[in-house]
Amino acid sequence: MSNLPTLPVTFRPGRTRVVLLTAGVVILLVISAVAMLLEQLGPGERLSFILTGALIFWVLAQLARVRVVADESGVTVVNIASRRRLDWAEIVQVNLRPGDPWVFLNLSDGTSLPALGIQPGIDKQQAIADARTLRTLAEARSVRDPEKSTEQDQG
């Protein structure tokens, strides 16, 4: 247990996040510059260009916000369009198989939850290390939680 990280710990696809945010800023700046440089565009058309660039930036920022946050009481999974809070006891298994685009959490209700905060796309070794860490945390915490509930039931 001594090799477990200090909680809370946040897992994110760091390099992917940098690429997405950098691309978003560059696209916004280029589209805005084009809007200002094209003399034949009216104010409404220029605004349309800039709003399109802002929309593209917003979409890329949403893709970059994914993360998995582990703390003492459980895990928060933030995906592109959703956020879900899980107790440690709900996580049965943490999976990152070869070819998987991201980690999948097998849950006690029989479902599987994708956790996009750990993805091997650009930085495979970091994703594998993060998945192992989350798996170790889940195993350590889920073993401890049933003992607590058993003690509380007896007490």
C-alpha atoms as a PDB file:
ATOM      1  CA  MET A   1       0.000   0.000   0.000  1.00  0.00           C
ATOM      2  CA  SER A   2       2.993   2.301   0.420  1.00  0.00           C
ATOM      3  CA  ASN A   3       3.259   2.681  -3.371  1.00  0.00           C
ATOM      4  CA  LEU A   4      -0.242   4.171  -3.604  1.00  0.00           C
ATOM      5  CA  PRO A   5      -0.395   7.867  -4.518  1.00  0.00           C
ATOM      6  CA  THR A   6      -1.559  10.464  -2.045  1.00  0.00           C
ATOM      7  CA  LEU A   7      -5.235  11.170  -2.583  1.00  0.00           C
ATOM      8  CA  PRO A   8      -6.811  13.035  -4.233  1.00  0.00           C
ATOM      9  CA  VAL A   9      -5.143  12.217  -7.535  1.00  0.00           C
ATOM     10  CA  THR A  10      -6.272  13.340 -10.996  1.00  0.00           C
ATOM     11  CA  PHE A  11      -5.666  11.336 -14.151  1.00  0.00           C
ATOM     12  CA  ARG A  12      -5.851  13.173 -17.500  1.00  0.00           C
ATOM     13  CA  PRO A  13      -4.460  12.554 -20.956  1.00  0.00           C
ATOM     14  CA  GLY A  14      -1.838  15.300 -20.596  1.00  0.00           C
ATOM     15  CA  ARG A  15      -0.339  15.346 -24.069  1.00  0.00           C
ATOM     16  CA  THR A  16      -3.727  14.952 -25.738  1.00  0.00           C
ATOM     17  CA  ARG A  17      -5.023  17.861 -23.683  1.00  0.00           C
ATOM     18  CA  VAL A  18      -2.114  20.082 -24.754  1.00  0.00           C
ATOM     19  CA  VAL A  19      -2.612  19.166 -28.424  1.00  0.00           C
ATOM     20  CA  LEU A  20      -6.371  19.847 -28.291  1.00  0.00           C
ATOM     21  CA  LEU A  21      -6.083  23.185 -26.496  1.00  0.00           C
ATOM     22  CA  THR A  22      -3.191  24.343 -28.683  1.00  0.00           C
ATOM     23  CA  ALA A  23      -5.095  23.391 -31.831  1.00  0.00           C
ATOM     24  CA  GLY A  24      -8.170  25.206 -30.526  1.00  0.00           C
ATOM     25  CA  VAL A  25      -6.272  28.425 -29.876  1.00  0.00           C
ATOM     26  CA  VAL A  26      -4.483  28.287 -33.240  1.00  0.00           C
ATOM     27  CA  ILE A  27      -7.738  27.635 -35.121  1.00  0.00           C
ATOM     28  CA  LEU A  28      -9.506  30.477 -33.310  1.00  0.00           C
ATOM     29  CA  LEU A  29      -6.652  32.889 -34.041  1.00  0.00           C
ATOM     30  CA  VAL A  30      -6.343  31.890 -37.711  1.00  0.00           C
ATOM     31  CA  ILE A  31     -10.080  32.115 -38.376  1.00  0.00           C
ATOM     32  CA  SER A  32     -10.248  35.470 -36.567  1.00  0.00           C
ATOM     33  CA  ALA A  33      -7.271  36.785 -38.534  1.00  0.00           C
ATOM     34  CA  VAL A  34      -8.835  35.669 -41.819  1.00  0.00           C
ATOM     35  CA  ALA A  35     -12.079  37.403 -40.832  1.00  0.00           C
ATOM     36  CA  MET A  36     -10.226  40.659 -40.181  1.00  0.00           C
ATOM     37  CA  LEU A  37      -8.025  40.469 -43.291  1.00  0.00           C
ATOM     38  CA  LEU A  38     -10.789  39.819 -45.824  1.00  0.00           C
ATOM     39  CA  GLU A  39     -11.845  43.341 -46.722  1.00  0.00           C
ATOM     40  CA  GLN A  40     -14.975  42.308 -48.618  1.00  0.00           C
ATOM     41  CA  LEU A  41     -16.586  40.849 -45.465  1.00  0.00           C
ATOM     42  CA  GLY A  42     -19.160  42.884 -43.618  1.00  0.00           C
ATOM     43  CA  PRO A  43     -19.397  43.073 -39.806  1.00  0.00           C
ATOM     44  CA  GLY A  44     -21.943  40.239 -39.637  1.00  0.00           C
ATOM     45  CA  GLU A  45     -19.801  37.941 -41.762  1.00  0.00           C
ATOM     46  CA  ARG A  46     -16.721  38.724 -39.697  1.00  0.00           C
ATOM     47  CA  LEU A  47     -18.659  37.958 -36.542  1.00  0.00           C
ATOM     48  CA  SER A  48     -19.794  34.658 -38.092  1.00  0.00           C
ATOM     49  CA  PHE A  49     -16.170  33.716 -38.799  1.00  0.00           C
ATOM     50  CA  ILE A  50     -15.104  34.550 -35.246  1.00  0.00           C
ATOM     51  CA  LEU A  51     -18.062  32.707 -33.707  1.00  0.00           C
ATOM     52  CA  THR A  52     -17.236  29.650 -35.823  1.00  0.00           C
ATOM     53  CA  GLY A  53     -13.656  29.745 -34.526  1.00  0.00           C
ATOM     54  CA  ALA A  54     -14.936  30.132 -30.965  1.00  0.00           C
ATOM     55  CA  LEU A  55     -17.280  27.166 -31.432  1.00  0.00           C
ATOM     56  CA  ILE A  56     -14.431  24.997 -32.702  1.00  0.00           C
ATOM     57  CA  PHE A  57     -12.307  26.064 -29.723  1.00  0.00           C
ATOM     58  CA  TRP A  58     -15.187  25.245 -27.325  1.00  0.00           C
ATOM     59  CA  VAL A  59     -15.617  21.749 -28.824  1.00  0.00           C
ATOM     60  CA  LEU A  60     -11.887  21.038 -28.510  1.00  0.00           C
ATOM     61  CA  ALA A  61     -11.904  22.384 -24.931  1.00  0.00           C
ATOM     62  CA  GLN A  62     -14.767  20.000 -24.091  1.00  0.00           C
ATOM     63  CA  LEU A  63     -12.730  17.114 -25.490  1.00  0.00           C
ATOM     64  CA  ALA A  64      -9.769  18.265 -23.370  1.00  0.00           C
ATOM     65  CA  ARG A  65     -11.706  18.410 -20.061  1.00  0.00           C
ATOM     66  CA  VAL A  66     -11.919  14.642 -19.582  1.00  0.00           C
ATOM     67  CA  ARG A  67     -10.424  13.343 -16.339  1.00  0.00           C
ATOM     68  CA  VAL A  68     -10.686  10.781 -13.583  1.00  0.00           C
ATOM     69  CA  VAL A  69     -10.358  12.065 -10.014  1.00  0.00           C
ATOM     70  CA  ALA A  70      -9.769   9.544  -7.235  1.00  0.00           C
ATOM     71  CA  ASP A  71     -10.200  10.600  -3.611  1.00  0.00           C
ATOM     72  CA  GLU A  72     -10.760   8.931  -0.245  1.00  0.00           C
ATOM     73  CA  SER A  73     -14.441   8.207  -0.841  1.00  0.00           C
ATOM     74  CA  GLY A  74     -14.429   7.216  -4.510  1.00  0.00           C
ATOM     75  CA  VAL A  75     -13.889   8.250  -8.095  1.00  0.00           C
ATOM     76  CA  THR A  76     -15.337  11.037 -10.233  1.00  0.00           C
ATOM     77  CA  VAL A  77     -15.302  10.313 -13.966  1.00  0.00           C
ATOM     78  CA  VAL A  78     -15.629  13.405 -16.169  1.00  0.00           C
ATOM     79  CA  ASN A  79     -16.219  12.503 -19.811  1.00  0.00           C
ATOM     80  CA  ILE A  80     -17.048  14.772 -22.739  1.00  0.00           C
ATOM     81  CA  ALA A  81     -20.729  15.278 -21.958  1.00  0.00           C
ATOM     82  CA  SER A  82     -21.162  13.644 -18.560  1.00  0.00           C
ATOM     83  CA  ARG A  83     -19.870  13.471 -15.018  1.00  0.00           C
ATOM     84  CA  ARG A  84     -20.398  10.499 -12.718  1.00  0.00           C
ATOM     85  CA  ARG A  85     -19.456   9.958  -9.096  1.00  0.00           C
ATOM     86  CA  LEU A  86     -18.689   6.395  -7.977  1.00  0.00           C
ATOM     87  CA  ASP A  87     -17.999   4.948  -4.557  1.00  0.00           C
ATOM     88  CA  TRP A  88     -14.970   2.662  -4.442  1.00  0.00           C
ATOM     89  CA  ALA A  89     -17.226  -0.334  -3.747  1.00  0.00           C
ATOM     90  CA  GLU A  90     -19.026   0.247  -7.079  1.00  0.00           C
ATOM     91  CA  ILE A  91     -15.832  -0.366  -9.084  1.00  0.00           C
ATOM     92  CA  VAL A  92     -15.374  -4.082  -9.677  1.00  0.00           C
ATOM     93  CA  GLN A  93     -12.553  -3.891 -12.220  1.00  0.00           C
ATOM     94  CA  VAL A  94     -10.395  -1.350 -14.077  1.00  0.00           C
ATOM     95  CA  ASN A  95      -9.658  -2.441 -17.663  1.00  0.00           C
ATOM     96  CA  LEU A  96      -7.283  -1.143 -20.312  1.00  0.00           C
ATOM     97  CA  ARG A  97      -6.849  -3.936 -22.835  1.00  0.00           C
ATOM     98  CA  PRO A  98      -4.668  -3.704 -25.950  1.00  0.00           C
ATOM     99  CA  GLY A  99      -6.576  -1.737 -28.571  1.00  0.00           C
ATOM    100  CA  ASP A 100      -8.939  -0.063 -26.091  1.00  0.00           C
ATOM    101  CA  PRO A 101      -9.289   3.679 -26.765  1.00  0.00           C
ATOM    102  CA  TRP A 102      -9.556   4.390 -23.009  1.00  0.00           C
ATOM    103  CA  VAL A 103     -10.053   2.734 -19.631  1.00  0.00           C
ATOM    104  CA  PHE A 104     -13.325   0.977 -18.896  1.00  0.00           C
ATOM    105  CA  LEU A 105     -14.609   0.591 -15.346  1.00  0.00           C
ATOM    106  CA  ASN A 106     -16.673  -2.548 -14.723  1.00  0.00           C
ATOM    107  CA  LEU A 107     -19.273  -1.618 -12.128  1.00  0.00           C
ATOM    108  CA  SER A 108     -21.099  -3.609  -9.467  1.00  0.00           C
ATOM    109  CA  ASP A 109     -24.440  -3.097 -11.252  1.00  0.00           C
ATOM    110  CA  GLY A 110     -23.144  -5.080 -14.241  1.00  0.00           C
ATOM    111  CA  THR A 111     -22.528  -2.072 -16.479  1.00  0.00           C
ATOM    112  CA  SER A 112     -19.289  -0.680 -17.842  1.00  0.00           C
ATOM    113  CA  LEU A 113     -18.327   3.000 -17.700  1.00  0.00           C
ATOM    114  CA  PRO A 114     -15.773   4.476 -20.109  1.00  0.00           C
ATOM    115  CA  ALA A 115     -13.247   6.686 -18.333  1.00  0.00           C
ATOM    116  CA  LEU A 116     -11.831   8.927 -21.043  1.00  0.00           C
ATOM    117  CA  GLY A 117      -9.407  10.546 -18.606  1.00  0.00           C
ATOM    118  CA  ILE A 118      -7.031   7.622 -19.119  1.00  0.00           C
ATOM    119  CA  GLN A 119      -6.419   7.014 -22.814  1.00  0.00           C
ATOM    120  CA  PRO A 120      -3.380   5.551 -24.560  1.00  0.00           C
ATOM    121  CA  GLY A 121      -3.723   7.612 -27.757  1.00  0.00           C
ATOM    122  CA  ILE A 122      -0.635   9.834 -27.638  1.00  0.00           C
ATOM    123  CA  ASP A 123       1.063   8.691 -24.409  1.00  0.00           C
ATOM    124  CA  LYS A 124       0.544   4.939 -24.127  1.00  0.00           C
ATOM    125  CA  GLN A 125       3.033   4.320 -21.311  1.00  0.00           C
ATOM    126  CA  GLN A 126       1.501   7.021 -19.107  1.00  0.00           C
ATOM    127  CA  ALA A 127      -1.987   5.614 -19.739  1.00  0.00           C
ATOM    128  CA  ILE A 128      -0.840   2.121 -18.763  1.00  0.00           C
ATOM    129  CA  ALA A 129       0.781   3.460 -15.582  1.00  0.00           C
ATOM    130  CA  ASP A 130      -2.346   5.488 -14.726  1.00  0.00           C
ATOM    131  CA  ALA A 131      -4.610   2.484 -15.336  1.00  0.00           C
ATOM    132  CA  ARG A 132      -2.432   0.330 -13.069  1.00  0.00           C
ATOM    133  CA  THR A 133      -2.507   2.989 -10.358  1.00  0.00           C
ATOM    134  CA  LEU A 134      -6.291   3.335 -10.557  1.00  0.00           C
ATOM    135  CA  ARG A 135      -6.653  -0.469 -10.530  1.00  0.00           C
ATOM    136  CA  THR A 136      -4.436  -0.720  -7.441  1.00  0.00           C
ATOM    137  CA  LEU A 137      -6.401   2.029  -5.701  1.00  0.00           C
ATOM    138  CA  ALA A 138      -9.720   0.378  -6.584  1.00  0.00           C
ATOM    139  CA  GLU A 139      -8.543  -3.008  -5.331  1.00  0.00           C
ATOM    140  CA  ALA A 140      -7.163  -1.550  -2.103  1.00  0.00           C
ATOM    141  CA  ARG A 141     -10.253   0.574  -1.426  1.00  0.00           C
ATOM    142  CA  SER A 142     -12.868  -2.019  -2.363  1.00  0.00           C
ATOM    143  CA  VAL A 143     -11.256  -4.579  -0.039  1.00  0.00           C
ATOM    144  CA  ARG A 144     -11.330  -2.106   2.825  1.00  0.00           C
ATOM    145  CA  ASP A 145     -14.902  -0.865   2.268  1.00  0.00           C
ATOM    146  CA  PRO A 146     -16.690  -4.222   2.815  1.00  0.00           C
ATOM    147  CA  GLU A 147     -14.810  -4.654   6.100  1.00  0.00           C
ATOM    148  CA  LYS A 148     -16.044  -1.242   7.245  1.00  0.00           C
ATOM    149  CA  SER A 149     -19.646  -2.076   6.358  1.00  0.00           C
ATOM    150  CA  THR A 150     -19.365  -5.484   8.095  1.00  0.00           C
ATOM    151  CA  GLU A 151     -18.008  -3.816  11.232  1.00  0.00           C
ATOM    152  CA  GLN A 152     -20.798  -1.242  11.131  1.00  0.00           C
ATOM    153  CA  ASP A 153     -23.439  -3.969  10.674  1.00  0.00           C
ATOM    154  CA  GLN A 154     -22.076  -5.881  13.696  1.00  0.00           C
ATOM    155  CA  GLY A 155     -21.633  -2.782  15.837  1.00  0.00           C
END
